[in-house]
């Protein structure tokens, strides 16, 4: 993971998502300030902003730090604060993170995942040859624990993800990728290669 800068709310968001969403909650009698009652479902008006979310965050999964193509259908709106916990935030742009479907399904409504908006670059470090992610050694022990919890919760070191990272790194070593290509399609690997003085 690398830091993600929050992007401004799109001009049509209020009408397309927030107002419709809050109106639907009011019709159902849902309290904005208490967790959703069990088995309560709410209208997914946030789907209307997925194209804007994708464009605003350049198609980069906030948790993996890789670009994915929108046409694959693999993108989703992750509610960083779970909508089941705080319905008030279910239709708020600043609570959305662009996530590939795999990361969204792993994060779910767990609260022990660090926010890509709040982390700093270098908290998550990468062994370029193996693709293995680990907490930055210079971090205080408490923060190392939080980083490790995030790695474990999202399973950021599963074999497929590690293979993807090593393939991206090998692509730049072999000359198959340009630096510009790596920066766009694998920004986490690009950042770590720069930090480690490889590029």
N, C-alpha and C. Protein backbone atom coordinates (compact mmCIF):
# COMPACT_ATOMS: atom_id res chain seq x y z
N UNK A 1 0.84 -1.20 0.00
CA UNK A 1 0.00 0.00 0.00
C UNK A 1 0.88 1.25 0.00
N UNK A 2 0.40 2.26 -0.69
CA UNK A 2 1.02 3.58 -0.65
C UNK A 2 -0.06 4.61 -0.38
N UNK A 3 0.36 5.80 0.01
CA UNK A 3 -0.59 6.86 0.33
C UNK A 3 -1.44 7.21 -0.89
N UNK A 4 -2.72 7.47 -0.63
CA UNK A 4 -3.65 7.90 -1.67
C UNK A 4 -4.17 9.28 -1.28
N UNK A 5 -4.03 10.24 -2.17
CA UNK A 5 -4.54 11.59 -1.91
C UNK A 5 -6.04 11.63 -2.17
N UNK A 6 -6.84 12.09 -1.18
CA UNK A 6 -8.28 12.23 -1.42
C UNK A 6 -8.55 13.18 -2.57
N UNK A 7 -9.49 12.81 -3.41
CA UNK A 7 -9.84 13.63 -4.56
C UNK A 7 -11.17 14.34 -4.33
N UNK A 8 -11.35 15.51 -4.95
CA UNK A 8 -12.57 16.29 -4.71
C UNK A 8 -13.82 15.58 -5.18
N UNK A 9 -14.90 15.87 -4.49
CA UNK A 9 -16.20 15.29 -4.83
C UNK A 9 -16.65 15.76 -6.21
N UNK A 10 -17.08 14.85 -7.07
CA UNK A 10 -17.55 15.25 -8.41
C UNK A 10 -18.79 16.13 -8.34
N UNK A 11 -18.97 16.93 -9.35
CA UNK A 11 -20.06 17.91 -9.33
C UNK A 11 -21.43 17.28 -9.25
N UNK A 12 -21.62 16.11 -9.85
CA UNK A 12 -22.95 15.50 -9.84
C UNK A 12 -23.21 14.54 -8.70
N UNK A 13 -22.24 14.43 -7.79
CA UNK A 13 -22.36 13.41 -6.75
C UNK A 13 -23.53 13.66 -5.81
N UNK A 14 -23.71 14.90 -5.41
CA UNK A 14 -24.74 15.20 -4.42
C UNK A 14 -26.12 14.75 -4.91
N UNK A 15 -26.42 15.09 -6.17
CA UNK A 15 -27.74 14.75 -6.71
C UNK A 15 -27.88 13.26 -7.01
N UNK A 16 -26.82 12.66 -7.54
CA UNK A 16 -26.90 11.27 -8.00
C UNK A 16 -26.77 10.25 -6.87
N UNK A 17 -26.05 10.64 -5.82
CA UNK A 17 -25.77 9.65 -4.76
C UNK A 17 -26.29 10.11 -3.40
N UNK A 18 -25.77 11.24 -2.90
CA UNK A 18 -26.08 11.62 -1.52
C UNK A 18 -27.57 11.85 -1.30
N UNK A 19 -28.18 12.71 -2.11
CA UNK A 19 -29.59 13.04 -1.89
C UNK A 19 -30.49 11.82 -2.06
N UNK A 20 -30.23 11.04 -3.10
CA UNK A 20 -31.04 9.84 -3.32
C UNK A 20 -30.84 8.84 -2.18
N UNK A 21 -29.60 8.70 -1.75
CA UNK A 21 -29.32 7.75 -0.68
C UNK A 21 -29.96 8.15 0.63
N UNK A 22 -29.80 9.40 1.02
CA UNK A 22 -30.38 9.85 2.28
C UNK A 22 -31.90 9.77 2.24
N UNK A 23 -32.48 10.08 1.08
CA UNK A 23 -33.94 9.97 0.95
C UNK A 23 -34.40 8.53 1.12
N UNK A 24 -33.65 7.59 0.57
CA UNK A 24 -34.03 6.19 0.69
C UNK A 24 -33.91 5.71 2.14
N UNK A 25 -32.89 6.20 2.86
CA UNK A 25 -32.77 5.85 4.27
C UNK A 25 -33.94 6.41 5.08
N UNK A 26 -34.34 7.64 4.76
CA UNK A 26 -35.47 8.25 5.46
C UNK A 26 -36.76 7.47 5.21
N UNK A 27 -36.97 7.02 3.98
CA UNK A 27 -38.17 6.25 3.68
C UNK A 27 -38.22 4.95 4.47
N UNK A 28 -37.04 4.36 4.72
CA UNK A 28 -36.98 3.10 5.47
C UNK A 28 -36.97 3.32 6.98
N UNK A 29 -36.87 4.58 7.39
CA UNK A 29 -36.82 4.88 8.81
C UNK A 29 -35.50 4.49 9.45
N UNK A 30 -34.43 4.47 8.65
CA UNK A 30 -33.11 4.09 9.16
C UNK A 30 -32.47 5.28 9.88
N UNK A 31 -31.98 5.04 11.08
CA UNK A 31 -31.26 6.07 11.81
C UNK A 31 -29.90 6.27 11.18
N UNK A 32 -29.52 7.53 10.99
CA UNK A 32 -28.22 7.83 10.41
C UNK A 32 -27.08 7.64 11.41
N UNK A 33 -27.41 7.61 12.67
CA UNK A 33 -26.38 7.68 13.71
C UNK A 33 -26.23 6.40 14.52
N UNK A 34 -26.92 5.34 14.11
CA UNK A 34 -26.81 4.06 14.80
C UNK A 34 -26.55 2.97 13.76
N UNK A 35 -25.87 1.90 14.16
CA UNK A 35 -25.63 0.81 13.21
C UNK A 35 -26.93 0.28 12.62
N UNK A 36 -26.83 -0.21 11.39
CA UNK A 36 -28.02 -0.78 10.75
C UNK A 36 -28.51 -1.99 11.53
N UNK A 37 -29.82 -2.10 11.71
CA UNK A 37 -30.34 -3.33 12.31
C UNK A 37 -29.98 -4.54 11.45
N UNK A 38 -29.82 -5.68 12.08
CA UNK A 38 -29.47 -6.89 11.34
C UNK A 38 -30.47 -7.15 10.22
N UNK A 39 -29.94 -7.62 9.09
CA UNK A 39 -30.71 -7.98 7.89
C UNK A 39 -31.32 -6.78 7.18
N UNK A 40 -30.94 -5.56 7.61
CA UNK A 40 -31.42 -4.37 6.90
C UNK A 40 -30.53 -4.10 5.70
N UNK A 41 -31.12 -3.92 4.55
CA UNK A 41 -30.38 -3.58 3.34
C UNK A 41 -30.70 -2.14 2.95
N UNK A 42 -29.73 -1.50 2.31
CA UNK A 42 -29.95 -0.13 1.86
C UNK A 42 -29.65 -0.05 0.37
N UNK A 43 -30.19 0.98 -0.26
CA UNK A 43 -30.08 1.12 -1.71
C UNK A 43 -28.64 1.47 -2.12
N UNK A 44 -28.11 0.78 -3.13
CA UNK A 44 -26.70 0.99 -3.53
C UNK A 44 -26.54 2.16 -4.50
N UNK A 45 -26.98 3.33 -4.09
CA UNK A 45 -26.86 4.51 -4.96
C UNK A 45 -25.40 4.88 -5.23
N UNK A 46 -24.50 4.40 -4.38
CA UNK A 46 -23.07 4.69 -4.59
C UNK A 46 -22.57 4.15 -5.93
N UNK A 47 -23.25 3.15 -6.47
CA UNK A 47 -22.81 2.61 -7.76
C UNK A 47 -22.84 3.65 -8.87
N UNK A 48 -23.67 4.67 -8.69
CA UNK A 48 -23.77 5.71 -9.71
C UNK A 48 -22.49 6.53 -9.84
N UNK A 49 -21.63 6.46 -8.83
CA UNK A 49 -20.41 7.27 -8.88
C UNK A 49 -19.17 6.44 -9.19
N UNK A 50 -19.34 5.15 -9.52
CA UNK A 50 -18.16 4.31 -9.71
C UNK A 50 -17.30 4.79 -10.87
N UNK A 51 -17.90 5.25 -11.95
CA UNK A 51 -17.10 5.78 -13.06
C UNK A 51 -16.28 6.99 -12.62
N UNK A 52 -16.93 7.89 -11.86
CA UNK A 52 -16.22 9.06 -11.35
C UNK A 52 -15.11 8.66 -10.38
N UNK A 53 -15.39 7.67 -9.53
CA UNK A 53 -14.38 7.20 -8.58
C UNK A 53 -13.19 6.63 -9.33
N UNK A 54 -13.47 5.85 -10.36
CA UNK A 54 -12.41 5.24 -11.16
C UNK A 54 -11.55 6.31 -11.83
N UNK A 55 -12.19 7.31 -12.44
CA UNK A 55 -11.44 8.37 -13.09
C UNK A 55 -10.65 9.20 -12.07
N UNK A 56 -11.27 9.53 -10.96
CA UNK A 56 -10.63 10.39 -9.97
C UNK A 56 -9.37 9.76 -9.40
N UNK A 57 -9.41 8.43 -9.25
CA UNK A 57 -8.26 7.73 -8.65
C UNK A 57 -7.45 6.95 -9.68
N UNK A 58 -7.59 7.35 -10.94
CA UNK A 58 -6.75 6.86 -12.05
C UNK A 58 -6.74 5.34 -12.17
N UNK A 59 -7.83 4.72 -11.77
CA UNK A 59 -7.94 3.27 -11.91
C UNK A 59 -7.04 2.48 -10.99
N UNK A 60 -6.55 3.08 -9.91
CA UNK A 60 -5.63 2.39 -9.00
C UNK A 60 -6.37 1.86 -7.78
N UNK A 61 -6.26 0.58 -7.53
CA UNK A 61 -6.81 -0.01 -6.31
C UNK A 61 -6.09 0.60 -5.10
N UNK A 62 -6.87 1.13 -4.18
CA UNK A 62 -6.29 1.83 -3.03
C UNK A 62 -5.51 0.90 -2.11
N UNK A 63 -5.79 -0.38 -2.17
CA UNK A 63 -5.16 -1.32 -1.24
C UNK A 63 -4.00 -2.09 -1.87
N UNK A 64 -4.10 -2.37 -3.16
CA UNK A 64 -3.03 -3.10 -3.83
C UNK A 64 -1.99 -2.18 -4.47
N UNK A 65 -2.39 -0.95 -4.80
CA UNK A 65 -1.46 -0.06 -5.49
C UNK A 65 -1.17 -0.52 -6.90
N UNK A 66 -2.19 -1.02 -7.60
CA UNK A 66 -2.05 -1.41 -9.00
C UNK A 66 -3.22 -0.85 -9.80
N UNK A 67 -2.98 -0.63 -11.06
CA UNK A 67 -4.01 -0.19 -12.00
C UNK A 67 -4.82 -1.39 -12.46
N UNK A 68 -6.14 -1.21 -12.59
CA UNK A 68 -6.95 -2.27 -13.19
C UNK A 68 -7.89 -1.64 -14.21
N UNK A 69 -8.21 -2.39 -15.22
CA UNK A 69 -9.07 -1.89 -16.29
C UNK A 69 -10.53 -1.91 -15.86
N UNK A 70 -11.22 -0.81 -16.05
CA UNK A 70 -12.64 -0.69 -15.67
C UNK A 70 -13.50 -1.69 -16.42
N UNK A 71 -13.16 -1.99 -17.68
CA UNK A 71 -14.01 -2.86 -18.50
C UNK A 71 -14.05 -4.29 -17.98
N UNK A 72 -13.12 -4.65 -17.09
CA UNK A 72 -13.15 -6.01 -16.56
C UNK A 72 -14.26 -6.20 -15.55
N UNK A 73 -14.85 -5.09 -15.08
CA UNK A 73 -15.89 -5.20 -14.08
C UNK A 73 -15.37 -5.47 -12.69
N UNK A 74 -14.05 -5.36 -12.53
CA UNK A 74 -13.44 -5.71 -11.25
C UNK A 74 -13.38 -4.59 -10.24
N UNK A 75 -13.87 -3.40 -10.58
CA UNK A 75 -13.79 -2.28 -9.66
C UNK A 75 -15.01 -2.18 -8.77
N UNK A 76 -14.81 -1.66 -7.57
CA UNK A 76 -15.92 -1.52 -6.65
C UNK A 76 -15.70 -0.32 -5.73
N UNK A 77 -16.79 0.13 -5.13
CA UNK A 77 -16.73 1.20 -4.14
C UNK A 77 -16.56 0.56 -2.77
N UNK A 78 -15.42 0.79 -2.15
CA UNK A 78 -15.25 0.33 -0.78
C UNK A 78 -15.66 1.45 0.16
N UNK A 79 -16.59 1.16 1.08
CA UNK A 79 -16.92 2.09 2.15
C UNK A 79 -15.87 1.89 3.24
N UNK A 80 -14.97 2.87 3.40
CA UNK A 80 -13.91 2.64 4.37
C UNK A 80 -14.49 2.44 5.77
N UNK A 81 -15.37 3.34 6.18
CA UNK A 81 -16.17 3.09 7.38
C UNK A 81 -17.41 2.35 6.92
N UNK A 82 -17.62 1.16 7.41
CA UNK A 82 -18.68 0.29 6.91
C UNK A 82 -20.04 0.97 7.01
N UNK A 83 -20.81 0.85 5.93
CA UNK A 83 -22.15 1.43 5.91
C UNK A 83 -23.04 0.82 6.97
N UNK A 84 -22.78 -0.43 7.34
CA UNK A 84 -23.57 -1.07 8.39
C UNK A 84 -23.30 -0.45 9.76
N UNK A 85 -22.08 0.10 9.93
CA UNK A 85 -21.72 0.71 11.22
C UNK A 85 -22.19 2.15 11.32
N UNK A 86 -22.06 2.89 10.21
CA UNK A 86 -22.44 4.31 10.21
C UNK A 86 -23.21 4.64 8.94
N UNK A 87 -24.51 4.43 8.94
CA UNK A 87 -25.31 4.73 7.75
C UNK A 87 -25.14 6.16 7.24
N UNK A 88 -24.82 7.09 8.14
CA UNK A 88 -24.62 8.48 7.73
C UNK A 88 -23.55 8.60 6.66
N UNK A 89 -22.56 7.68 6.67
CA UNK A 89 -21.45 7.75 5.74
C UNK A 89 -21.63 6.87 4.51
N UNK A 90 -22.78 6.22 4.40
CA UNK A 90 -23.00 5.30 3.28
C UNK A 90 -23.00 6.00 1.94
N UNK A 91 -23.39 7.27 1.93
CA UNK A 91 -23.51 8.01 0.67
C UNK A 91 -22.61 9.24 0.67
N UNK A 92 -21.43 9.11 1.28
CA UNK A 92 -20.48 10.22 1.36
C UNK A 92 -19.23 9.91 0.54
N UNK A 93 -18.91 10.77 -0.39
CA UNK A 93 -17.76 10.60 -1.28
C UNK A 93 -16.47 10.37 -0.50
N UNK A 94 -16.25 11.14 0.57
CA UNK A 94 -14.98 11.03 1.28
C UNK A 94 -14.84 9.73 2.07
N UNK A 95 -15.89 8.91 2.10
CA UNK A 95 -15.81 7.60 2.74
C UNK A 95 -15.54 6.49 1.72
N UNK A 96 -15.40 6.84 0.46
CA UNK A 96 -15.23 5.84 -0.59
C UNK A 96 -13.75 5.68 -0.96
N UNK A 97 -13.36 4.43 -1.15
CA UNK A 97 -12.04 4.12 -1.67
C UNK A 97 -12.24 3.24 -2.91
N UNK A 98 -11.50 3.51 -3.97
CA UNK A 98 -11.57 2.66 -5.15
C UNK A 98 -10.83 1.37 -4.85
N UNK A 99 -11.51 0.25 -5.01
CA UNK A 99 -10.90 -1.03 -4.68
C UNK A 99 -11.24 -2.06 -5.75
N UNK A 100 -10.28 -2.92 -6.06
CA UNK A 100 -10.62 -4.06 -6.89
C UNK A 100 -11.54 -4.96 -6.07
N UNK A 101 -12.31 -5.78 -6.73
CA UNK A 101 -13.31 -6.58 -6.03
C UNK A 101 -12.69 -7.54 -5.02
N UNK A 102 -11.49 -8.04 -5.32
CA UNK A 102 -10.82 -8.96 -4.39
C UNK A 102 -10.52 -8.26 -3.07
N UNK A 103 -9.96 -7.06 -3.12
CA UNK A 103 -9.63 -6.35 -1.90
C UNK A 103 -10.88 -5.93 -1.14
N UNK A 104 -11.90 -5.52 -1.86
CA UNK A 104 -13.14 -5.11 -1.20
C UNK A 104 -13.76 -6.28 -0.45
N UNK A 105 -13.75 -7.45 -1.06
CA UNK A 105 -14.34 -8.61 -0.40
C UNK A 105 -13.53 -9.05 0.81
N UNK A 106 -12.23 -8.81 0.79
CA UNK A 106 -11.40 -9.18 1.94
C UNK A 106 -11.53 -8.17 3.08
N UNK A 107 -11.65 -6.91 2.74
CA UNK A 107 -11.75 -5.89 3.79
C UNK A 107 -13.10 -5.96 4.49
N UNK A 108 -14.17 -6.06 3.70
CA UNK A 108 -15.52 -6.14 4.25
C UNK A 108 -15.75 -5.01 5.25
N UNK A 109 -16.25 -5.31 6.44
CA UNK A 109 -16.51 -4.26 7.42
C UNK A 109 -15.53 -4.30 8.59
N UNK A 110 -14.39 -4.96 8.37
CA UNK A 110 -13.38 -5.02 9.43
C UNK A 110 -12.80 -3.64 9.68
N UNK A 111 -12.44 -3.39 10.91
CA UNK A 111 -11.93 -2.08 11.31
C UNK A 111 -10.43 -2.05 11.53
N UNK A 112 -9.75 -3.18 11.34
CA UNK A 112 -8.31 -3.21 11.59
C UNK A 112 -7.50 -3.11 10.30
N UNK A 113 -8.03 -2.34 9.36
CA UNK A 113 -7.33 -2.05 8.11
C UNK A 113 -7.00 -0.56 8.08
N UNK A 114 -5.75 -0.22 7.82
CA UNK A 114 -5.34 1.18 7.77
C UNK A 114 -5.93 1.86 6.54
N UNK A 115 -6.24 3.14 6.71
CA UNK A 115 -6.85 3.93 5.65
C UNK A 115 -5.78 4.39 4.65
N UNK A 116 -5.95 4.07 3.36
CA UNK A 116 -4.98 4.55 2.35
C UNK A 116 -4.85 6.07 2.33
N UNK A 117 -5.87 6.80 2.77
CA UNK A 117 -5.79 8.25 2.84
C UNK A 117 -4.86 8.71 3.96
N UNK A 118 -4.67 7.88 4.98
CA UNK A 118 -3.96 8.32 6.17
C UNK A 118 -2.57 7.70 6.32
N UNK A 119 -2.29 6.63 5.61
CA UNK A 119 -0.96 6.02 5.73
C UNK A 119 0.08 6.92 5.06
N UNK A 120 1.32 6.69 5.39
CA UNK A 120 2.42 7.40 4.75
C UNK A 120 3.23 6.42 3.92
N UNK A 121 3.79 6.91 2.84
CA UNK A 121 4.65 6.07 2.01
C UNK A 121 5.81 5.55 2.85
N UNK A 122 6.12 4.28 2.66
CA UNK A 122 7.19 3.65 3.41
C UNK A 122 6.72 2.86 4.60
N UNK A 123 5.45 3.03 5.02
CA UNK A 123 4.92 2.20 6.11
C UNK A 123 4.85 0.74 5.66
N UNK A 124 4.46 0.53 4.40
CA UNK A 124 4.43 -0.80 3.80
C UNK A 124 5.63 -0.88 2.86
N UNK A 125 6.53 -1.82 3.12
CA UNK A 125 7.72 -1.94 2.30
C UNK A 125 7.72 -3.27 1.56
N UNK A 126 8.51 -3.33 0.50
CA UNK A 126 8.42 -4.44 -0.44
C UNK A 126 9.79 -5.04 -0.74
N UNK A 127 9.86 -6.36 -0.64
CA UNK A 127 11.01 -7.09 -1.18
C UNK A 127 10.76 -7.27 -2.67
N UNK A 128 11.50 -6.56 -3.48
CA UNK A 128 11.21 -6.51 -4.91
C UNK A 128 11.34 -7.87 -5.59
N UNK A 129 12.28 -8.66 -5.15
CA UNK A 129 12.53 -9.95 -5.82
C UNK A 129 11.47 -10.99 -5.49
N UNK A 130 10.95 -10.94 -4.25
CA UNK A 130 9.97 -11.94 -3.82
C UNK A 130 8.54 -11.43 -3.86
N UNK A 131 8.37 -10.10 -3.91
CA UNK A 131 7.02 -9.53 -3.88
C UNK A 131 6.41 -9.49 -2.50
N UNK A 132 7.21 -9.75 -1.48
CA UNK A 132 6.72 -9.85 -0.11
C UNK A 132 6.64 -8.46 0.53
N UNK A 133 5.48 -8.15 1.17
CA UNK A 133 5.27 -6.86 1.82
C UNK A 133 5.42 -7.02 3.33
N UNK A 134 6.03 -6.03 3.96
CA UNK A 134 6.25 -6.10 5.41
C UNK A 134 6.22 -4.68 5.98
N UNK A 135 6.02 -4.54 7.29
CA UNK A 135 6.01 -3.20 7.90
C UNK A 135 7.41 -2.58 7.87
N UNK A 136 7.44 -1.27 7.67
CA UNK A 136 8.71 -0.57 7.69
C UNK A 136 9.43 -0.75 9.01
N UNK A 137 10.71 -1.09 8.97
CA UNK A 137 11.46 -1.39 10.19
C UNK A 137 11.60 -0.18 11.11
N UNK A 138 11.54 1.02 10.53
CA UNK A 138 11.76 2.21 11.34
C UNK A 138 10.51 2.66 12.08
N UNK A 139 9.37 2.01 11.82
CA UNK A 139 8.12 2.38 12.47
C UNK A 139 8.13 1.97 13.94
N UNK A 140 7.44 2.74 14.80
CA UNK A 140 7.25 2.29 16.18
C UNK A 140 6.54 0.94 16.21
N UNK A 141 6.74 0.19 17.27
CA UNK A 141 6.19 -1.16 17.36
C UNK A 141 4.68 -1.17 17.20
N UNK A 142 4.00 -0.19 17.79
CA UNK A 142 2.54 -0.16 17.70
C UNK A 142 2.08 0.02 16.26
N UNK A 143 2.79 0.87 15.50
CA UNK A 143 2.41 1.08 14.10
C UNK A 143 2.79 -0.12 13.24
N UNK A 144 3.91 -0.75 13.54
CA UNK A 144 4.27 -1.98 12.83
C UNK A 144 3.16 -3.02 12.98
N UNK A 145 2.60 -3.10 14.18
CA UNK A 145 1.52 -4.05 14.43
C UNK A 145 0.29 -3.72 13.59
N UNK A 146 -0.04 -2.44 13.47
CA UNK A 146 -1.20 -2.03 12.67
C UNK A 146 -0.97 -2.32 11.19
N UNK A 147 0.25 -2.08 10.72
CA UNK A 147 0.57 -2.39 9.33
C UNK A 147 0.46 -3.89 9.09
N UNK A 148 1.01 -4.67 10.01
CA UNK A 148 0.94 -6.13 9.86
C UNK A 148 -0.50 -6.63 9.90
N UNK A 149 -1.32 -6.04 10.75
CA UNK A 149 -2.74 -6.41 10.80
C UNK A 149 -3.41 -6.17 9.46
N UNK A 150 -3.07 -5.04 8.82
CA UNK A 150 -3.63 -4.73 7.51
C UNK A 150 -3.16 -5.73 6.46
N UNK A 151 -1.87 -6.04 6.49
CA UNK A 151 -1.32 -7.04 5.56
C UNK A 151 -2.04 -8.37 5.73
N UNK A 152 -2.23 -8.77 6.98
CA UNK A 152 -2.87 -10.06 7.24
C UNK A 152 -4.35 -10.05 6.86
N UNK A 153 -5.05 -8.97 7.21
CA UNK A 153 -6.49 -8.91 6.93
C UNK A 153 -6.76 -8.95 5.43
N UNK A 154 -5.96 -8.22 4.66
CA UNK A 154 -6.17 -8.17 3.21
C UNK A 154 -5.42 -9.27 2.48
N UNK A 155 -4.65 -10.06 3.22
CA UNK A 155 -3.85 -11.15 2.64
C UNK A 155 -2.98 -10.61 1.50
N UNK A 156 -2.26 -9.53 1.79
CA UNK A 156 -1.46 -8.86 0.77
C UNK A 156 -0.24 -9.66 0.34
N UNK A 157 0.03 -10.74 1.04
CA UNK A 157 1.17 -11.58 0.66
C UNK A 157 0.73 -12.93 0.11
N UNK A 158 -0.48 -13.01 -0.41
CA UNK A 158 -0.86 -14.29 -1.02
C UNK A 158 -0.02 -14.51 -2.27
N UNK A 159 0.06 -15.75 -2.71
CA UNK A 159 1.00 -16.11 -3.78
C UNK A 159 0.71 -15.38 -5.08
N UNK A 160 -0.57 -15.18 -5.40
CA UNK A 160 -0.91 -14.51 -6.64
C UNK A 160 -0.49 -13.06 -6.65
N UNK A 161 -0.70 -12.37 -5.54
CA UNK A 161 -0.32 -10.96 -5.45
C UNK A 161 1.19 -10.81 -5.47
N UNK A 162 1.90 -11.69 -4.76
CA UNK A 162 3.36 -11.62 -4.77
C UNK A 162 3.91 -11.89 -6.18
N UNK A 163 3.29 -12.83 -6.87
CA UNK A 163 3.73 -13.12 -8.25
C UNK A 163 3.51 -11.92 -9.15
N UNK A 164 2.39 -11.24 -8.97
CA UNK A 164 2.12 -10.06 -9.78
C UNK A 164 3.18 -8.99 -9.55
N UNK A 165 3.52 -8.74 -8.30
CA UNK A 165 4.52 -7.72 -7.99
C UNK A 165 5.88 -8.07 -8.58
N UNK A 166 6.29 -9.32 -8.41
CA UNK A 166 7.60 -9.72 -8.94
C UNK A 166 7.62 -9.65 -10.46
N UNK A 167 6.49 -9.97 -11.09
CA UNK A 167 6.42 -9.89 -12.55
C UNK A 167 6.55 -8.44 -13.01
N UNK A 168 5.90 -7.53 -12.29
CA UNK A 168 6.01 -6.12 -12.64
C UNK A 168 7.44 -5.63 -12.47
N UNK A 169 8.07 -6.03 -11.37
CA UNK A 169 9.46 -5.63 -11.15
C UNK A 169 10.39 -6.23 -12.19
N UNK A 170 10.20 -7.49 -12.52
CA UNK A 170 11.04 -8.14 -13.51
C UNK A 170 10.87 -7.51 -14.87
N UNK A 171 9.66 -7.01 -15.13
CA UNK A 171 9.40 -6.35 -16.41
C UNK A 171 10.28 -5.13 -16.61
N UNK A 172 10.52 -4.38 -15.53
CA UNK A 172 11.37 -3.20 -15.66
C UNK A 172 12.83 -3.61 -15.75
N UNK A 173 13.22 -4.68 -15.05
CA UNK A 173 14.59 -5.17 -15.10
C UNK A 173 14.93 -5.70 -16.49
N UNK A 174 13.98 -6.42 -17.09
CA UNK A 174 14.20 -7.02 -18.41
C UNK A 174 14.05 -6.02 -19.55
N UNK A 175 13.57 -4.82 -19.23
CA UNK A 175 13.36 -3.81 -20.27
C UNK A 175 12.04 -3.94 -21.00
N UNK A 176 11.14 -4.81 -20.51
CA UNK A 176 9.83 -4.95 -21.14
C UNK A 176 8.92 -3.77 -20.82
N UNK A 177 9.14 -3.16 -19.65
CA UNK A 177 8.35 -2.01 -19.21
C UNK A 177 9.23 -0.78 -19.17
N UNK A 178 8.66 0.35 -19.49
CA UNK A 178 9.33 1.61 -19.24
C UNK A 178 9.02 2.04 -17.80
N UNK A 179 9.79 2.99 -17.29
CA UNK A 179 9.52 3.51 -15.95
C UNK A 179 8.14 4.15 -15.91
N UNK A 180 7.77 4.86 -16.95
CA UNK A 180 6.45 5.50 -17.00
C UNK A 180 5.33 4.47 -16.95
N UNK A 181 5.52 3.35 -17.65
CA UNK A 181 4.53 2.28 -17.65
C UNK A 181 4.40 1.70 -16.24
N UNK A 182 5.53 1.43 -15.59
CA UNK A 182 5.49 0.87 -14.24
C UNK A 182 4.80 1.82 -13.27
N UNK A 183 5.08 3.11 -13.39
CA UNK A 183 4.46 4.10 -12.50
C UNK A 183 2.95 4.10 -12.64
N UNK A 184 2.46 3.95 -13.86
CA UNK A 184 1.01 3.96 -14.09
C UNK A 184 0.35 2.66 -13.67
N UNK A 185 0.96 1.54 -14.03
CA UNK A 185 0.28 0.25 -13.84
C UNK A 185 0.63 -0.46 -12.54
N UNK A 186 1.71 -0.08 -11.91
CA UNK A 186 2.08 -0.72 -10.65
C UNK A 186 2.75 0.30 -9.74
N UNK A 187 1.99 1.32 -9.31
CA UNK A 187 2.60 2.44 -8.58
C UNK A 187 3.26 2.05 -7.27
N UNK A 188 2.77 1.01 -6.59
CA UNK A 188 3.43 0.57 -5.36
C UNK A 188 4.81 0.01 -5.65
N UNK A 189 4.91 -0.86 -6.65
CA UNK A 189 6.21 -1.40 -7.04
C UNK A 189 7.12 -0.28 -7.52
N UNK A 190 6.59 0.64 -8.30
CA UNK A 190 7.36 1.79 -8.79
C UNK A 190 7.91 2.61 -7.62
N UNK A 191 7.04 2.89 -6.64
CA UNK A 191 7.48 3.68 -5.50
C UNK A 191 8.60 2.96 -4.75
N UNK A 192 8.42 1.68 -4.48
CA UNK A 192 9.41 0.94 -3.71
C UNK A 192 10.73 0.80 -4.48
N UNK A 193 10.65 0.62 -5.79
CA UNK A 193 11.88 0.55 -6.59
C UNK A 193 12.65 1.87 -6.51
N UNK A 194 11.91 2.97 -6.51
CA UNK A 194 12.56 4.28 -6.36
C UNK A 194 13.13 4.46 -4.96
N UNK A 195 12.35 4.10 -3.96
CA UNK A 195 12.82 4.26 -2.59
C UNK A 195 14.09 3.47 -2.32
N UNK A 196 14.18 2.31 -2.95
CA UNK A 196 15.33 1.45 -2.75
C UNK A 196 16.47 1.75 -3.72
N UNK A 197 16.29 2.77 -4.55
CA UNK A 197 17.37 3.19 -5.45
C UNK A 197 17.59 2.31 -6.66
N UNK A 198 16.58 1.53 -7.02
CA UNK A 198 16.71 0.62 -8.19
C UNK A 198 16.46 1.39 -9.48
N UNK A 199 15.53 2.33 -9.46
CA UNK A 199 15.22 3.09 -10.68
C UNK A 199 16.00 4.39 -10.70
